[in-house]
Every structure is written in C-alpha cells, then in structure tokens.
Amino acid sequence: MSVQGLQGTMTLFYYRDLEAASAFYESIGFTLEVDLDWWKVFRVVGRFYLGLVGGDIVPEDIDSKKAVKLIVMVDDIDAWFNKLKELGLKLDHEEVYSSSRLNLREFSLSDPEGYSIEFGQFLSPLGV
C-alpha cells in the first residue's frame, strides 16, 4: 500500500495536570498551536504534532499504564478506511465517524501488540 496522501502524525499523551505538561513542552521549545482547556497541540517539526489531552477524557487506568495513541493524519479518510478494510484488518468501528469534540472524521484500529492507531482527517486546521 502506498503512503500517498499522508499529511503527518500526531501522538497523544493524557494528563491529569494538563497545564504542567503544557508548560513542560513549551519550555523545551515545542510550538503551541492549539490551546483549549482540555486539548493542547504542539508542533514538534513539520507536520509532526504532539497532542496533550486532559479533563474528563483522561483514561481511568492512566496510572497503571501510560495511555498512548498514534494518530495518522490523512487527506482522504474514506480512501484510507477502505484500503485498510480491504486488507482485512479489524477496525474498531464499521464506518468512519465524526468526533463529538473536534471538527474531525476518524477511525481506529489496534496494532498486533494492542497499541491504538487512529486515522483522522481534520475538517478545519487542527480540528478547531
């Protein structure tokens, strides 16, 4: 499968103290691109982003394991959904769905070790 149409990646980290985490990443030189009370997005380089999530979205088991999710941003979410479905991969949903919090269409699956991978297409810059 070709990687044509990829736009970049975003890794998500979850925090109870989102402001402290945000201050840390700002202090090491990452560029803050989105600053909401529950969602901070930092540009690492180019189209590689780090997303920090807080508030009521933080998983209950954050202390027992560090929740990490790779987000692959694409320019045609439906084409990627169909490609991965045709490969016979087990997707987490039967169709592409829209985020209730961001202007984003997405779908997800897990890799062989259980790491979550989400494919997404922002419908506005960084979903806001």
C-alpha atoms as a PDB file:
ATOM      1  CA  MET A   1       0.000   0.000   0.000  1.00  0.00           C
ATOM      2  CA  SER A   2       1.272   3.441  -0.884  1.00  0.00           C
ATOM      3  CA  VAL A   3       1.653   6.128   1.775  1.00  0.00           C
ATOM      4  CA  GLN A   4       0.421   8.703  -0.693  1.00  0.00           C
ATOM      5  CA  GLY A   5      -1.961  11.185   0.869  1.00  0.00           C
ATOM      6  CA  LEU A   6      -0.361  11.213   4.313  1.00  0.00           C
ATOM      7  CA  GLN A   7      -0.338  14.636   5.940  1.00  0.00           C
ATOM      8  CA  GLY A   8       1.606  13.974   9.135  1.00  0.00           C
ATOM      9  CA  THR A   9       1.302  12.333  12.515  1.00  0.00           C
ATOM     10  CA  MET A  10       0.146  13.212  15.981  1.00  0.00           C
ATOM     11  CA  THR A  11       0.861  11.286  19.159  1.00  0.00           C
ATOM     12  CA  LEU A  12      -1.488  11.801  22.099  1.00  0.00           C
ATOM     13  CA  PHE A  13      -0.432  11.837  25.750  1.00  0.00           C
ATOM     14  CA  TYR A  14      -3.003  12.036  28.542  1.00  0.00           C
ATOM     15  CA  TYR A  15      -2.506  14.134  31.700  1.00  0.00           C
ATOM     16  CA  ARG A  16      -4.296  14.880  34.925  1.00  0.00           C
ATOM     17  CA  ASP A  17      -2.352  18.161  35.177  1.00  0.00           C
ATOM     18  CA  LEU A  18      -2.592  19.421  31.614  1.00  0.00           C
ATOM     19  CA  GLU A  19      -1.193  22.866  32.416  1.00  0.00           C
ATOM     20  CA  ALA A  20       2.007  21.457  33.942  1.00  0.00           C
ATOM     21  CA  ALA A  21       2.506  19.193  30.929  1.00  0.00           C
ATOM     22  CA  SER A  22       1.855  22.076  28.560  1.00  0.00           C
ATOM     23  CA  ALA A  23       4.395  24.249  30.386  1.00  0.00           C
ATOM     24  CA  PHE A  24       6.968  21.450  30.116  1.00  0.00           C
ATOM     25  CA  TYR A  25       6.608  21.073  26.330  1.00  0.00           C
ATOM     26  CA  GLU A  26       6.667  24.839  25.844  1.00  0.00           C
ATOM     27  CA  SER A  27       9.844  25.006  27.921  1.00  0.00           C
ATOM     28  CA  ILE A  28      11.645  22.511  25.689  1.00  0.00           C
ATOM     29  CA  GLY A  29      10.808  24.528  22.607  1.00  0.00           C
ATOM     30  CA  PHE A  30       7.774  22.861  21.065  1.00  0.00           C
ATOM     31  CA  THR A  31       5.425  25.381  19.432  1.00  0.00           C
ATOM     32  CA  LEU A  32       1.928  25.609  20.926  1.00  0.00           C
ATOM     33  CA  GLU A  33      -0.570  25.551  18.026  1.00  0.00           C
ATOM     34  CA  VAL A  34      -3.904  24.908  19.813  1.00  0.00           C
ATOM     35  CA  ASP A  35      -4.670  25.884  23.399  1.00  0.00           C
ATOM     36  CA  LEU A  36      -8.040  24.722  24.762  1.00  0.00           C
ATOM     37  CA  ASP A  37      -8.818  23.787  28.358  1.00  0.00           C
ATOM     38  CA  TRP A  38      -8.790  20.043  27.516  1.00  0.00           C
ATOM     39  CA  TRP A  39      -6.686  19.898  24.312  1.00  0.00           C
ATOM     40  CA  LYS A  40      -3.241  21.317  23.573  1.00  0.00           C
ATOM     41  CA  VAL A  41      -1.423  20.684  20.306  1.00  0.00           C
ATOM     42  CA  PHE A  42       2.291  21.295  19.875  1.00  0.00           C
ATOM     43  CA  ARG A  43       4.164  21.298  16.593  1.00  0.00           C
ATOM     44  CA  VAL A  44       7.274  19.193  17.005  1.00  0.00           C
ATOM     45  CA  VAL A  45       8.588  19.695  13.462  1.00  0.00           C
ATOM     46  CA  GLY A  46       6.908  19.998  10.078  1.00  0.00           C
ATOM     47  CA  ARG A  47       3.615  18.143  10.247  1.00  0.00           C
ATOM     48  CA  PHE A  48       4.551  16.073  13.278  1.00  0.00           C
ATOM     49  CA  TYR A  49       2.481  17.036  16.307  1.00  0.00           C
ATOM     50  CA  LEU A  50       2.119  16.131  19.953  1.00  0.00           C
ATOM     51  CA  GLY A  51      -1.396  16.339  21.349  1.00  0.00           C
ATOM     52  CA  LEU A  52      -1.929  16.695  25.094  1.00  0.00           C
ATOM     53  CA  VAL A  53      -5.333  15.668  26.431  1.00  0.00           C
ATOM     54  CA  GLY A  54      -6.755  16.425  29.869  1.00  0.00           C
ATOM     55  CA  GLY A  55     -10.039  16.797  31.681  1.00  0.00           C
ATOM     56  CA  ASP A  56     -12.735  14.133  31.534  1.00  0.00           C
ATOM     57  CA  ILE A  57     -11.078  12.365  28.572  1.00  0.00           C
ATOM     58  CA  VAL A  58      -8.147  11.055  30.653  1.00  0.00           C
ATOM     59  CA  PRO A  59      -8.434   7.238  30.945  1.00  0.00           C
ATOM     60  CA  GLU A  60      -9.169   5.839  34.409  1.00  0.00           C
ATOM     61  CA  ASP A  61      -6.155   3.495  34.209  1.00  0.00           C
ATOM     62  CA  ILE A  62      -3.628   6.251  33.451  1.00  0.00           C
ATOM     63  CA  ASP A  63      -1.538   5.253  36.477  1.00  0.00           C
ATOM     64  CA  SER A  64      -1.324   1.552  35.618  1.00  0.00           C
ATOM     65  CA  LYS A  65      -0.161   2.183  32.057  1.00  0.00           C
ATOM     66  CA  LYS A  66       0.675   5.231  30.056  1.00  0.00           C
ATOM     67  CA  ALA A  67      -2.039   5.771  27.507  1.00  0.00           C
ATOM     68  CA  VAL A  68      -0.536   6.496  24.091  1.00  0.00           C
ATOM     69  CA  LYS A  69      -2.208   6.741  20.732  1.00  0.00           C
ATOM     70  CA  LEU A  70      -0.668   7.303  17.314  1.00  0.00           C
ATOM     71  CA  ILE A  71      -2.812   9.458  15.054  1.00  0.00           C
ATOM     72  CA  VAL A  72      -2.064   9.374  11.339  1.00  0.00           C
ATOM     73  CA  MET A  73      -3.482  12.425   9.603  1.00  0.00           C
ATOM     74  CA  VAL A  74      -4.613  11.866   6.016  1.00  0.00           C
ATOM     75  CA  ASP A  75      -6.201  13.937   3.294  1.00  0.00           C
ATOM     76  CA  ASP A  76      -8.872  11.347   2.323  1.00  0.00           C
ATOM     77  CA  ILE A  77     -10.173   9.448   5.361  1.00  0.00           C
ATOM     78  CA  ASP A  78     -12.662   7.393   3.351  1.00  0.00           C
ATOM     79  CA  ALA A  79      -9.978   6.119   0.964  1.00  0.00           C
ATOM     80  CA  TRP A  80      -7.766   5.044   3.884  1.00  0.00           C
ATOM     81  CA  PHE A  81     -10.692   3.367   5.652  1.00  0.00           C
ATOM     82  CA  ASN A  82     -11.489   1.388   2.519  1.00  0.00           C
ATOM     83  CA  LYS A  83      -7.829   0.437   1.934  1.00  0.00           C
ATOM     84  CA  LEU A  84      -7.376  -0.922   5.445  1.00  0.00           C
ATOM     85  CA  LYS A  85     -10.726  -2.691   5.390  1.00  0.00           C
ATOM     86  CA  GLU A  86      -9.801  -4.333   2.062  1.00  0.00           C
ATOM     87  CA  LEU A  87      -6.586  -5.585   3.686  1.00  0.00           C
ATOM     88  CA  GLY A  88      -8.779  -7.491   6.122  1.00  0.00           C
ATOM     89  CA  LEU A  89      -7.658  -5.527   9.171  1.00  0.00           C
ATOM     90  CA  LYS A  90     -10.021  -5.457  12.138  1.00  0.00           C
ATOM     91  CA  LEU A  91     -11.198  -1.866  12.505  1.00  0.00           C
ATOM     92  CA  ASP A  92     -12.754  -0.613  15.738  1.00  0.00           C
ATOM     93  CA  HIS A  93     -15.913   0.651  14.008  1.00  0.00           C
ATOM     94  CA  GLU A  94     -17.903  -0.343  10.958  1.00  0.00           C
ATOM     95  CA  GLU A  95     -17.584   3.104   9.413  1.00  0.00           C
ATOM     96  CA  VAL A  96     -15.728   6.404   9.613  1.00  0.00           C
ATOM     97  CA  TYR A  97     -17.183   8.513  12.397  1.00  0.00           C
ATOM     98  CA  SER A  98     -17.135  12.183  13.342  1.00  0.00           C
ATOM     99  CA  SER A  99     -15.606  13.450  16.563  1.00  0.00           C
ATOM    100  CA  SER A 100     -18.013  14.966  19.058  1.00  0.00           C
ATOM    101  CA  ARG A 101     -15.346  17.415  20.296  1.00  0.00           C
ATOM    102  CA  LEU A 102     -13.321  18.344  17.218  1.00  0.00           C
ATOM    103  CA  ASN A 103     -14.045  19.040  13.569  1.00  0.00           C
ATOM    104  CA  LEU A 104     -12.584  15.664  12.631  1.00  0.00           C
ATOM    105  CA  ARG A 105     -13.563  12.453  10.838  1.00  0.00           C
ATOM    106  CA  GLU A 106     -11.749   9.364  12.069  1.00  0.00           C
ATOM    107  CA  PHE A 107     -11.495   5.619  12.527  1.00  0.00           C
ATOM    108  CA  SER A 108      -9.195   3.453  14.609  1.00  0.00           C
ATOM    109  CA  LEU A 109      -7.644   0.034  14.934  1.00  0.00           C
ATOM    110  CA  SER A 110      -5.025  -1.667  17.080  1.00  0.00           C
ATOM    111  CA  ASP A 111      -1.624  -2.962  16.074  1.00  0.00           C
ATOM    112  CA  PRO A 112      -0.593  -6.563  16.885  1.00  0.00           C
ATOM    113  CA  GLU A 113       0.559  -5.565  20.393  1.00  0.00           C
ATOM    114  CA  GLY A 114      -2.611  -3.618  21.148  1.00  0.00           C
ATOM    115  CA  TYR A 115      -1.352  -0.072  20.582  1.00  0.00           C
ATOM    116  CA  SER A 116      -4.130   2.161  19.319  1.00  0.00           C
ATOM    117  CA  ILE A 117      -3.753   3.777  15.900  1.00  0.00           C
ATOM    118  CA  GLU A 118      -6.246   6.360  14.762  1.00  0.00           C
ATOM    119  CA  PHE A 119      -6.541   7.679  11.227  1.00  0.00           C
ATOM    120  CA  GLY A 120      -8.036  11.147  11.055  1.00  0.00           C
ATOM    121  CA  GLN A 121      -8.919  13.931   8.691  1.00  0.00           C
ATOM    122  CA  PHE A 122      -9.306  17.381  10.223  1.00  0.00           C
ATOM    123  CA  LEU A 123     -12.038  19.372   8.503  1.00  0.00           C
ATOM    124  CA  SER A 124     -10.521  22.613   9.833  1.00  0.00           C
ATOM    125  CA  PRO A 125      -6.960  23.417  10.975  1.00  0.00           C
ATOM    126  CA  LEU A 126      -6.131  21.025  13.845  1.00  0.00           C
ATOM    127  CA  GLY A 127      -9.851  20.424  14.382  1.00  0.00           C
ATOM    128  CA  VAL A 128     -10.747  23.803  15.887  1.00  0.00           C
END
